[in-house]
Amino acid sequence: MEKAQYAGFWIRCYATFIDILAMLLFISVPLTLIYGAAYWQSNHGILGFWDVFLGYIVPFVATIWLWTTLGATPGKLVAKLKIVDAETGSKLSIGQAFIRYIAYIPAMLVFFLGFIWVAFDKKKQGWHDKIAGTVVIREDGLD
């Protein structure tokens, strides 16, 4: 991984923004159709089966599948980024993908410091990358 161009903070923010828009479209729209205004106005944490299924299970499964098959989420594909094993540069294993996904939790807990860490790390790794043994590289070779 010596020659890899690691993806920096701002390009990863751009990719995340695209992913958030995609999730809003593919998750919030169906949930609004199912639950109506209650989806946006309810004080309940979970509204029912479809809320859990579309809001939690589908994103989890889709993200793990995208990371292990394509090496990227839609936002990362648009930004020409790829998530790979930090040591070998190969695709993520299912275990690595699962750990990376779960490791988002500690990365967010302290004012998102685990994500901001990308801006200062020499390999541009966030805490979730370090925990899972992954890096995000630029496929276009730009810095």
Foldseek 3Di string as FASTA:
>chain_A
DVLFAFDFQPLVVQLVVVVVVVLCVQQVVVVCVVPPCCVVVPPDPADDDSCCCRVPVVVLVVQLVCQQPVQDDPSCVVSQKGKAQQPPRHGADSVLSNQLVVQVVVCPPPVNVQSVVLNPDPQSHGSSCVRSRMTMTHPVSDD
